[in-house]
C-alpha cells in the first residue's frame, strides 16, 4: 500500500474544513471579507498546509514543529469562528457545528502529534492513514 499525504486522514479532514470555511466567507460582504474573512480563510488554510509541509520533512522532530503550527492555526480559526458567532456573521447553529468540528480536528491532530512524538525516525509507511 502506498502512503501519501493525500491519504492521511487528518490532512483530508483539514482540507474539507478549510474548503467549508472558504465557501462561507465567499458569501460575505466586502467589509466582512476584508476584515475577518481574510484572517479566518488564511488560518483555516494554514491547518492543512502545515500538515503538508510537516509531512514532507525528513525527520519527525522537524515534522512535528509544523504539526504544532497546524494546531496553532486550528485554534486561531476556532477563535475567529467564536468572534463570527458573537457578531452574527455566521449563523449560530452553523458556527456551533464548525466549532464542534474544530474540537474533533484538535483531538485527531493531537493524537497524530503524539504518534509522531513516539517515532524515532521518519518513515511514511509508519504513519497511520
C-alpha atoms as a PDB file:
ATOM      1  CA  UNK A   1       0.000   0.000   0.000  1.00  0.00           C
ATOM      2  CA  UNK A   2       1.351   3.390  -0.975  1.00  0.00           C
ATOM      3  CA  UNK A   3       1.231   6.063   1.708  1.00  0.00           C
ATOM      4  CA  UNK A   4       0.793   9.623   0.536  1.00  0.00           C
ATOM      5  CA  UNK A   5      -0.159  12.884   2.127  1.00  0.00           C
ATOM      6  CA  UNK A   6      -3.499  12.804   0.351  1.00  0.00           C
ATOM      7  CA  UNK A   7      -4.400   9.547   2.117  1.00  0.00           C
ATOM      8  CA  UNK A   8      -3.633  10.928   5.567  1.00  0.00           C
ATOM      9  CA  UNK A   9      -6.956  11.272   7.407  1.00  0.00           C
ATOM     10  CA  UNK A  10      -6.079  14.405   9.393  1.00  0.00           C
ATOM     11  CA  UNK A  11      -4.972  16.099   6.171  1.00  0.00           C
ATOM     12  CA  UNK A  12      -8.208  15.165   4.382  1.00  0.00           C
ATOM     13  CA  UNK A  13     -10.317  16.453   7.280  1.00  0.00           C
ATOM     14  CA  UNK A  14      -8.365  19.706   7.460  1.00  0.00           C
ATOM     15  CA  UNK A  15      -8.758  20.231   3.701  1.00  0.00           C
ATOM     16  CA  UNK A  16     -12.520  19.705   3.844  1.00  0.00           C
ATOM     17  CA  UNK A  17     -12.784  22.023   6.850  1.00  0.00           C
ATOM     18  CA  UNK A  18     -10.868  24.848   5.167  1.00  0.00           C
ATOM     19  CA  UNK A  19     -12.917  24.445   1.978  1.00  0.00           C
ATOM     20  CA  UNK A  20     -16.084  24.818   4.046  1.00  0.00           C
ATOM     21  CA  UNK A  21     -14.748  27.992   5.674  1.00  0.00           C
ATOM     22  CA  UNK A  22     -13.829  29.340   2.225  1.00  0.00           C
ATOM     23  CA  UNK A  23     -17.365  28.767   0.895  1.00  0.00           C
ATOM     24  CA  UNK A  24     -18.868  30.590   3.855  1.00  0.00           C
ATOM     25  CA  UNK A  25     -16.509  33.566   3.603  1.00  0.00           C
ATOM     26  CA  UNK A  26     -17.074  33.798  -0.155  1.00  0.00           C
ATOM     27  CA  UNK A  27     -20.710  34.774   0.557  1.00  0.00           C
ATOM     28  CA  UNK A  28     -19.856  37.666   2.868  1.00  0.00           C
ATOM     29  CA  UNK A  29     -19.974  41.378   2.048  1.00  0.00           C
ATOM     30  CA  UNK A  30     -16.793  43.319   1.270  1.00  0.00           C
ATOM     31  CA  UNK A  31     -16.218  44.638   4.788  1.00  0.00           C
ATOM     32  CA  UNK A  32     -16.623  41.212   6.394  1.00  0.00           C
ATOM     33  CA  UNK A  33     -14.324  39.580   3.806  1.00  0.00           C
ATOM     34  CA  UNK A  34     -11.703  42.298   4.122  1.00  0.00           C
ATOM     35  CA  UNK A  35     -11.540  42.189   7.904  1.00  0.00           C
ATOM     36  CA  UNK A  36     -12.361  38.804   9.404  1.00  0.00           C
ATOM     37  CA  UNK A  37     -12.783  36.856   6.163  1.00  0.00           C
ATOM     38  CA  UNK A  38      -9.169  37.071   5.045  1.00  0.00           C
ATOM     39  CA  UNK A  39      -7.955  36.149   8.517  1.00  0.00           C
ATOM     40  CA  UNK A  40     -10.186  33.124   9.019  1.00  0.00           C
ATOM     41  CA  UNK A  41      -9.570  31.842   5.482  1.00  0.00           C
ATOM     42  CA  UNK A  42      -5.794  32.085   5.984  1.00  0.00           C
ATOM     43  CA  UNK A  43      -5.843  30.389   9.370  1.00  0.00           C
ATOM     44  CA  UNK A  44      -8.138  27.595   8.144  1.00  0.00           C
ATOM     45  CA  UNK A  45      -5.958  27.009   5.060  1.00  0.00           C
ATOM     46  CA  UNK A  46      -2.864  27.018   7.254  1.00  0.00           C
ATOM     47  CA  UNK A  47      -4.096  23.941   9.138  1.00  0.00           C
ATOM     48  CA  UNK A  48      -3.708  21.583   6.175  1.00  0.00           C
ATOM     49  CA  UNK A  49      -0.739  23.306   4.536  1.00  0.00           C
ATOM     50  CA  UNK A  50       1.310  22.988   7.706  1.00  0.00           C
ATOM     51  CA  UNK A  51       0.399  19.302   7.897  1.00  0.00           C
ATOM     52  CA  UNK A  52       1.581  19.005   4.280  1.00  0.00           C
ATOM     53  CA  UNK A  53       4.849  20.780   4.989  1.00  0.00           C
ATOM     54  CA  UNK A  54       5.488  18.680   8.071  1.00  0.00           C
ATOM     55  CA  UNK A  55       4.728  15.501   6.172  1.00  0.00           C
ATOM     56  CA  UNK A  56       7.336  16.462   3.598  1.00  0.00           C
ATOM     57  CA  UNK A  57      10.129  16.889   6.138  1.00  0.00           C
ATOM     58  CA  UNK A  58      12.677  14.122   6.557  1.00  0.00           C
ATOM     59  CA  UNK A  59      12.883  13.938  10.360  1.00  0.00           C
ATOM     60  CA  UNK A  60       9.940  13.514  12.705  1.00  0.00           C
ATOM     61  CA  UNK A  61      11.291  16.157  15.085  1.00  0.00           C
ATOM     62  CA  UNK A  62      11.254  18.687  12.256  1.00  0.00           C
ATOM     63  CA  UNK A  63       7.864  17.446  11.037  1.00  0.00           C
ATOM     64  CA  UNK A  64       6.382  17.791  14.496  1.00  0.00           C
ATOM     65  CA  UNK A  65       7.125  21.532  14.572  1.00  0.00           C
ATOM     66  CA  UNK A  66       4.874  22.033  11.539  1.00  0.00           C
ATOM     67  CA  UNK A  67       2.139  19.953  13.165  1.00  0.00           C
ATOM     68  CA  UNK A  68       2.352  22.333  16.141  1.00  0.00           C
ATOM     69  CA  UNK A  69       1.947  25.266  13.724  1.00  0.00           C
ATOM     70  CA  UNK A  70      -1.095  23.479  12.317  1.00  0.00           C
ATOM     71  CA  UNK A  71      -2.551  23.159  15.808  1.00  0.00           C
ATOM     72  CA  UNK A  72      -1.974  26.871  16.393  1.00  0.00           C
ATOM     73  CA  UNK A  73      -3.777  27.690  13.150  1.00  0.00           C
ATOM     74  CA  UNK A  74      -6.656  25.444  14.172  1.00  0.00           C
ATOM     75  CA  UNK A  75      -7.040  27.252  17.476  1.00  0.00           C
ATOM     76  CA  UNK A  76      -6.787  30.618  15.700  1.00  0.00           C
ATOM     77  CA  UNK A  77      -9.581  29.525  13.362  1.00  0.00           C
ATOM     78  CA  UNK A  78     -11.651  28.485  16.368  1.00  0.00           C
ATOM     79  CA  UNK A  79     -11.191  31.946  17.882  1.00  0.00           C
ATOM     80  CA  UNK A  80     -12.285  33.603  14.619  1.00  0.00           C
ATOM     81  CA  UNK A  81     -15.350  31.346  14.485  1.00  0.00           C
ATOM     82  CA  UNK A  82     -16.311  32.365  18.010  1.00  0.00           C
ATOM     83  CA  UNK A  83     -15.937  36.009  17.025  1.00  0.00           C
ATOM     84  CA  UNK A  84     -18.089  35.436  13.919  1.00  0.00           C
ATOM     85  CA  UNK A  85     -20.772  33.830  16.049  1.00  0.00           C
ATOM     86  CA  UNK A  86     -20.789  36.697  18.581  1.00  0.00           C
ATOM     87  CA  UNK A  87     -21.006  39.261  15.779  1.00  0.00           C
ATOM     88  CA  UNK A  88     -23.758  37.364  13.954  1.00  0.00           C
ATOM     89  CA  UNK A  89     -21.628  36.973  10.838  1.00  0.00           C
ATOM     90  CA  UNK A  90     -22.154  33.218  10.810  1.00  0.00           C
ATOM     91  CA  UNK A  91     -25.487  31.723  11.821  1.00  0.00           C
ATOM     92  CA  UNK A  92     -25.227  30.470  15.414  1.00  0.00           C
ATOM     93  CA  UNK A  93     -26.186  26.896  14.503  1.00  0.00           C
ATOM     94  CA  UNK A  94     -23.622  26.741  11.691  1.00  0.00           C
ATOM     95  CA  UNK A  95     -20.981  28.360  13.907  1.00  0.00           C
ATOM     96  CA  UNK A  96     -21.633  25.756  16.605  1.00  0.00           C
ATOM     97  CA  UNK A  97     -21.262  22.950  14.035  1.00  0.00           C
ATOM     98  CA  UNK A  98     -17.932  24.384  12.896  1.00  0.00           C
ATOM     99  CA  UNK A  99     -16.751  24.869  16.482  1.00  0.00           C
ATOM    100  CA  UNK A 100     -17.551  21.212  17.206  1.00  0.00           C
ATOM    101  CA  UNK A 101     -15.599  20.295  14.084  1.00  0.00           C
ATOM    102  CA  UNK A 102     -12.589  22.245  15.371  1.00  0.00           C
ATOM    103  CA  UNK A 103     -12.717  20.229  18.592  1.00  0.00           C
ATOM    104  CA  UNK A 104     -12.807  16.979  16.644  1.00  0.00           C
ATOM    105  CA  UNK A 105      -9.903  18.087  14.459  1.00  0.00           C
ATOM    106  CA  UNK A 106      -7.950  19.122  17.545  1.00  0.00           C
ATOM    107  CA  UNK A 107      -8.378  15.690  19.130  1.00  0.00           C
ATOM    108  CA  UNK A 108      -7.241  13.950  15.935  1.00  0.00           C
ATOM    109  CA  UNK A 109      -4.335  16.328  15.377  1.00  0.00           C
ATOM    110  CA  UNK A 110      -3.148  15.898  18.973  1.00  0.00           C
ATOM    111  CA  UNK A 111      -3.300  12.114  18.567  1.00  0.00           C
ATOM    112  CA  UNK A 112      -1.295  12.391  15.354  1.00  0.00           C
ATOM    113  CA  UNK A 113       1.312  14.603  17.060  1.00  0.00           C
ATOM    114  CA  UNK A 114       1.522  12.126  19.948  1.00  0.00           C
ATOM    115  CA  UNK A 115       2.087   9.273  17.482  1.00  0.00           C
ATOM    116  CA  UNK A 116       4.805  11.242  15.682  1.00  0.00           C
ATOM    117  CA  UNK A 117       6.434  12.117  19.001  1.00  0.00           C
ATOM    118  CA  UNK A 118       6.865   8.425  19.796  1.00  0.00           C
ATOM    119  CA  UNK A 119       8.507   7.705  16.442  1.00  0.00           C
ATOM    120  CA  UNK A 120      12.279   7.831  16.284  1.00  0.00           C
ATOM    121  CA  UNK A 121      12.749   8.466  12.578  1.00  0.00           C
ATOM    122  CA  UNK A 122      10.735   9.423   9.537  1.00  0.00           C
ATOM    123  CA  UNK A 123       9.186   6.582   7.621  1.00  0.00           C
ATOM    124  CA  UNK A 124       5.917   7.405   5.829  1.00  0.00           C
ATOM    125  CA  UNK A 125       4.913   3.728   5.922  1.00  0.00           C
ATOM    126  CA  UNK A 126       4.677   4.029   9.725  1.00  0.00           C
ATOM    127  CA  UNK A 127       2.166   6.864   9.641  1.00  0.00           C
ATOM    128  CA  UNK A 128      -1.413   5.674  10.221  1.00  0.00           C
ATOM    129  CA  UNK A 129      -3.746   6.677   7.444  1.00  0.00           C
END
